């Protein structure tokens, strides 16, 4: 195997092992969840957008589906992360809402990087005075 084949193999491995905004799917069991009672959907949505927007770049948001997708840019010690916040159910007038937060490193080879799940959850609880 020559250098070209090795280089091509590495590129394919990196491409297959990369997380993207499209990789963020609710209900996969790969994230952290918490429940909110005694708050309305508008308050929860506002808290989520506020907290995610503080440190991350929001790439997609859909209030009707309760979905926020964001990214942390690459830095000196990280290739970046992709983060999803999913609010269930995405409707008004419910007694209980479940918020799921998923944080994925961009690459499986990435050793450094931040797990944004606790940061988002703690921030949302603070915004909601929980």
C-alpha atoms as a PDB file:
ATOM      1  CA  UNK A   1       0.000   0.000   0.000  1.00  0.00           C
ATOM      2  CA  UNK A   2       1.512   3.303  -1.016  1.00  0.00           C
ATOM      3  CA  UNK A   3       1.203   6.688   0.685  1.00  0.00           C
ATOM      4  CA  UNK A   4      -1.709   7.699  -1.502  1.00  0.00           C
ATOM      5  CA  UNK A   5      -3.802   4.741  -0.331  1.00  0.00           C
ATOM      6  CA  UNK A   6      -2.953   5.399   3.320  1.00  0.00           C
ATOM      7  CA  UNK A   7      -3.870   9.078   2.967  1.00  0.00           C
ATOM      8  CA  UNK A   8      -7.117   8.211   1.181  1.00  0.00           C
ATOM      9  CA  UNK A   9      -8.005   5.652   3.877  1.00  0.00           C
ATOM     10  CA  UNK A  10      -7.450   8.219   6.619  1.00  0.00           C
ATOM     11  CA  UNK A  11      -9.630  10.780   4.816  1.00  0.00           C
ATOM     12  CA  UNK A  12     -12.444   8.250   4.421  1.00  0.00           C
ATOM     13  CA  UNK A  13     -12.207   7.276   8.108  1.00  0.00           C
ATOM     14  CA  UNK A  14     -12.352  10.915   9.187  1.00  0.00           C
ATOM     15  CA  UNK A  15     -15.316  11.638   6.918  1.00  0.00           C
ATOM     16  CA  UNK A  16     -17.271   8.640   8.199  1.00  0.00           C
ATOM     17  CA  UNK A  17     -16.415   9.400  11.822  1.00  0.00           C
ATOM     18  CA  UNK A  18     -17.527  13.021  11.786  1.00  0.00           C
ATOM     19  CA  UNK A  19     -20.572  14.381  13.587  1.00  0.00           C
ATOM     20  CA  UNK A  20     -22.587  17.032  11.804  1.00  0.00           C
ATOM     21  CA  UNK A  21     -25.672  19.071  12.599  1.00  0.00           C
ATOM     22  CA  UNK A  22     -27.606  16.371  10.743  1.00  0.00           C
ATOM     23  CA  UNK A  23     -26.276  13.766  13.190  1.00  0.00           C
ATOM     24  CA  UNK A  24     -28.306  15.309  16.014  1.00  0.00           C
ATOM     25  CA  UNK A  25     -31.486  13.281  16.451  1.00  0.00           C
ATOM     26  CA  UNK A  26     -33.757  13.308  19.514  1.00  0.00           C
ATOM     27  CA  UNK A  27     -34.513  10.078  21.319  1.00  0.00           C
ATOM     28  CA  UNK A  28     -31.248   8.334  20.499  1.00  0.00           C
ATOM     29  CA  UNK A  29     -30.305   7.916  24.151  1.00  0.00           C
ATOM     30  CA  UNK A  30     -26.975   9.634  23.581  1.00  0.00           C
ATOM     31  CA  UNK A  31     -27.818  12.828  25.468  1.00  0.00           C
ATOM     32  CA  UNK A  32     -28.972  14.063  28.847  1.00  0.00           C
ATOM     33  CA  UNK A  33     -32.540  14.933  29.766  1.00  0.00           C
ATOM     34  CA  UNK A  34     -34.381  16.828  32.456  1.00  0.00           C
ATOM     35  CA  UNK A  35     -38.015  17.576  33.118  1.00  0.00           C
ATOM     36  CA  UNK A  36     -39.688  20.927  33.698  1.00  0.00           C
ATOM     37  CA  UNK A  37     -42.981  21.418  35.521  1.00  0.00           C
ATOM     38  CA  UNK A  38     -44.896  24.652  36.196  1.00  0.00           C
ATOM     39  CA  UNK A  39     -43.388  26.548  33.265  1.00  0.00           C
ATOM     40  CA  UNK A  40     -44.996  27.254  29.925  1.00  0.00           C
ATOM     41  CA  UNK A  41     -43.555  26.451  26.520  1.00  0.00           C
ATOM     42  CA  UNK A  42     -42.701  30.101  25.779  1.00  0.00           C
ATOM     43  CA  UNK A  43     -40.564  30.358  28.944  1.00  0.00           C
ATOM     44  CA  UNK A  44     -38.750  27.106  28.173  1.00  0.00           C
ATOM     45  CA  UNK A  45     -38.113  28.073  24.536  1.00  0.00           C
ATOM     46  CA  UNK A  46     -36.800  31.491  25.551  1.00  0.00           C
ATOM     47  CA  UNK A  47     -34.477  29.924  28.168  1.00  0.00           C
ATOM     48  CA  UNK A  48     -33.127  27.423  25.627  1.00  0.00           C
ATOM     49  CA  UNK A  49     -32.422  30.056  22.954  1.00  0.00           C
ATOM     50  CA  UNK A  50     -30.822  32.388  25.513  1.00  0.00           C
ATOM     51  CA  UNK A  51     -28.519  29.759  27.001  1.00  0.00           C
ATOM     52  CA  UNK A  52     -27.486  28.174  23.703  1.00  0.00           C
ATOM     53  CA  UNK A  53     -26.887  31.574  22.088  1.00  0.00           C
ATOM     54  CA  UNK A  54     -24.520  32.707  24.859  1.00  0.00           C
ATOM     55  CA  UNK A  55     -21.625  30.417  23.959  1.00  0.00           C
ATOM     56  CA  UNK A  56     -22.600  28.668  20.756  1.00  0.00           C
ATOM     57  CA  UNK A  57     -23.596  29.537  17.210  1.00  0.00           C
ATOM     58  CA  UNK A  58     -27.200  28.568  16.542  1.00  0.00           C
ATOM     59  CA  UNK A  59     -27.345  26.933  13.128  1.00  0.00           C
ATOM     60  CA  UNK A  60     -30.985  25.792  13.095  1.00  0.00           C
ATOM     61  CA  UNK A  61     -33.955  26.567  15.280  1.00  0.00           C
ATOM     62  CA  UNK A  62     -37.582  25.620  14.910  1.00  0.00           C
ATOM     63  CA  UNK A  63     -39.944  26.714  17.648  1.00  0.00           C
ATOM     64  CA  UNK A  64     -42.797  24.647  16.175  1.00  0.00           C
ATOM     65  CA  UNK A  65     -40.834  21.402  16.623  1.00  0.00           C
ATOM     66  CA  UNK A  66     -38.943  22.455  19.771  1.00  0.00           C
ATOM     67  CA  UNK A  67     -35.562  22.018  18.075  1.00  0.00           C
ATOM     68  CA  UNK A  68     -32.359  24.036  18.419  1.00  0.00           C
ATOM     69  CA  UNK A  69     -29.140  22.900  16.755  1.00  0.00           C
ATOM     70  CA  UNK A  70     -25.872  24.720  17.344  1.00  0.00           C
ATOM     71  CA  UNK A  71     -22.141  24.361  16.978  1.00  0.00           C
ATOM     72  CA  UNK A  72     -19.020  25.214  18.899  1.00  0.00           C
ATOM     73  CA  UNK A  73     -16.309  26.290  16.517  1.00  0.00           C
ATOM     74  CA  UNK A  74     -12.970  24.571  16.236  1.00  0.00           C
ATOM     75  CA  UNK A  75     -10.179  25.976  18.367  1.00  0.00           C
ATOM     76  CA  UNK A  76      -6.552  25.340  19.165  1.00  0.00           C
ATOM     77  CA  UNK A  77      -7.318  22.200  21.189  1.00  0.00           C
ATOM     78  CA  UNK A  78     -10.627  21.076  19.659  1.00  0.00           C
ATOM     79  CA  UNK A  79     -12.224  20.350  16.292  1.00  0.00           C
ATOM     80  CA  UNK A  80     -15.508  21.670  17.663  1.00  0.00           C
ATOM     81  CA  UNK A  81     -18.759  20.126  18.750  1.00  0.00           C
ATOM     82  CA  UNK A  82     -22.362  20.008  17.557  1.00  0.00           C
ATOM     83  CA  UNK A  83     -25.159  20.456  20.074  1.00  0.00           C
ATOM     84  CA  UNK A  84     -28.887  19.784  19.917  1.00  0.00           C
ATOM     85  CA  UNK A  85     -31.622  20.883  22.320  1.00  0.00           C
ATOM     86  CA  UNK A  86     -34.992  19.187  21.885  1.00  0.00           C
ATOM     87  CA  UNK A  87     -38.093  20.242  23.827  1.00  0.00           C
ATOM     88  CA  UNK A  88     -40.848  17.597  24.093  1.00  0.00           C
ATOM     89  CA  UNK A  89     -43.732  18.089  23.553  1.00  0.00           C
ATOM     90  CA  UNK A  90     -43.398  21.136  21.358  1.00  0.00           C
ATOM     91  CA  UNK A  91     -46.815  22.490  22.241  1.00  0.00           C
ATOM     92  CA  UNK A  92     -48.407  24.921  24.630  1.00  0.00           C
ATOM     93  CA  UNK A  93     -50.461  24.119  27.715  1.00  0.00           C
ATOM     94  CA  UNK A  94     -48.677  20.951  28.820  1.00  0.00           C
ATOM     95  CA  UNK A  95     -48.114  19.995  32.467  1.00  0.00           C
ATOM     96  CA  UNK A  96     -44.627  18.589  31.880  1.00  0.00           C
ATOM     97  CA  UNK A  97     -41.878  19.187  29.334  1.00  0.00           C
ATOM     98  CA  UNK A  98     -38.813  17.040  28.760  1.00  0.00           C
ATOM     99  CA  UNK A  99     -35.680  18.763  27.502  1.00  0.00           C
ATOM    100  CA  UNK A 100     -33.069  16.602  25.813  1.00  0.00           C
ATOM    101  CA  UNK A 101     -29.565  17.973  25.234  1.00  0.00           C
ATOM    102  CA  UNK A 102     -27.094  16.172  22.960  1.00  0.00           C
ATOM    103  CA  UNK A 103     -23.441  17.190  22.572  1.00  0.00           C
ATOM    104  CA  UNK A 104     -21.264  15.394  20.007  1.00  0.00           C
ATOM    105  CA  UNK A 105     -17.603  15.903  19.187  1.00  0.00           C
ATOM    106  CA  UNK A 106     -17.030  16.587  15.511  1.00  0.00           C
ATOM    107  CA  UNK A 107     -14.628  13.674  15.133  1.00  0.00           C
ATOM    108  CA  UNK A 108     -14.308  10.270  16.790  1.00  0.00           C
ATOM    109  CA  UNK A 109     -10.563  10.891  16.869  1.00  0.00           C
ATOM    110  CA  UNK A 110     -11.024  14.078  18.880  1.00  0.00           C
ATOM    111  CA  UNK A 111      -9.675  13.627  22.405  1.00  0.00           C
ATOM    112  CA  UNK A 112     -10.235  17.167  23.644  1.00  0.00           C
ATOM    113  CA  UNK A 113     -13.396  19.182  23.486  1.00  0.00           C
ATOM    114  CA  UNK A 114     -16.277  20.074  25.729  1.00  0.00           C
ATOM    115  CA  UNK A 115     -19.389  18.159  26.638  1.00  0.00           C
ATOM    116  CA  UNK A 116     -21.960  20.959  26.446  1.00  0.00           C
ATOM    117  CA  UNK A 117     -24.796  18.971  28.010  1.00  0.00           C
ATOM    118  CA  UNK A 118     -24.202  20.019  31.654  1.00  0.00           C
ATOM    119  CA  UNK A 119     -23.553  23.641  30.657  1.00  0.00           C
ATOM    120  CA  UNK A 120     -26.834  23.884  28.739  1.00  0.00           C
ATOM    121  CA  UNK A 121     -28.853  22.100  31.433  1.00  0.00           C
ATOM    122  CA  UNK A 122     -27.452  24.170  34.307  1.00  0.00           C
ATOM    123  CA  UNK A 123     -27.958  27.353  32.288  1.00  0.00           C
ATOM    124  CA  UNK A 124     -31.561  26.525  31.410  1.00  0.00           C
ATOM    125  CA  UNK A 125     -32.391  25.619  35.004  1.00  0.00           C
ATOM    126  CA  UNK A 126     -30.929  28.950  36.120  1.00  0.00           C
ATOM    127  CA  UNK A 127     -32.919  30.869  33.479  1.00  0.00           C
ATOM    128  CA  UNK A 128     -36.089  29.078  34.592  1.00  0.00           C
ATOM    129  CA  UNK A 129     -35.307  29.539  38.302  1.00  0.00           C
ATOM    130  CA  UNK A 130     -35.429  25.790  38.957  1.00  0.00           C
END
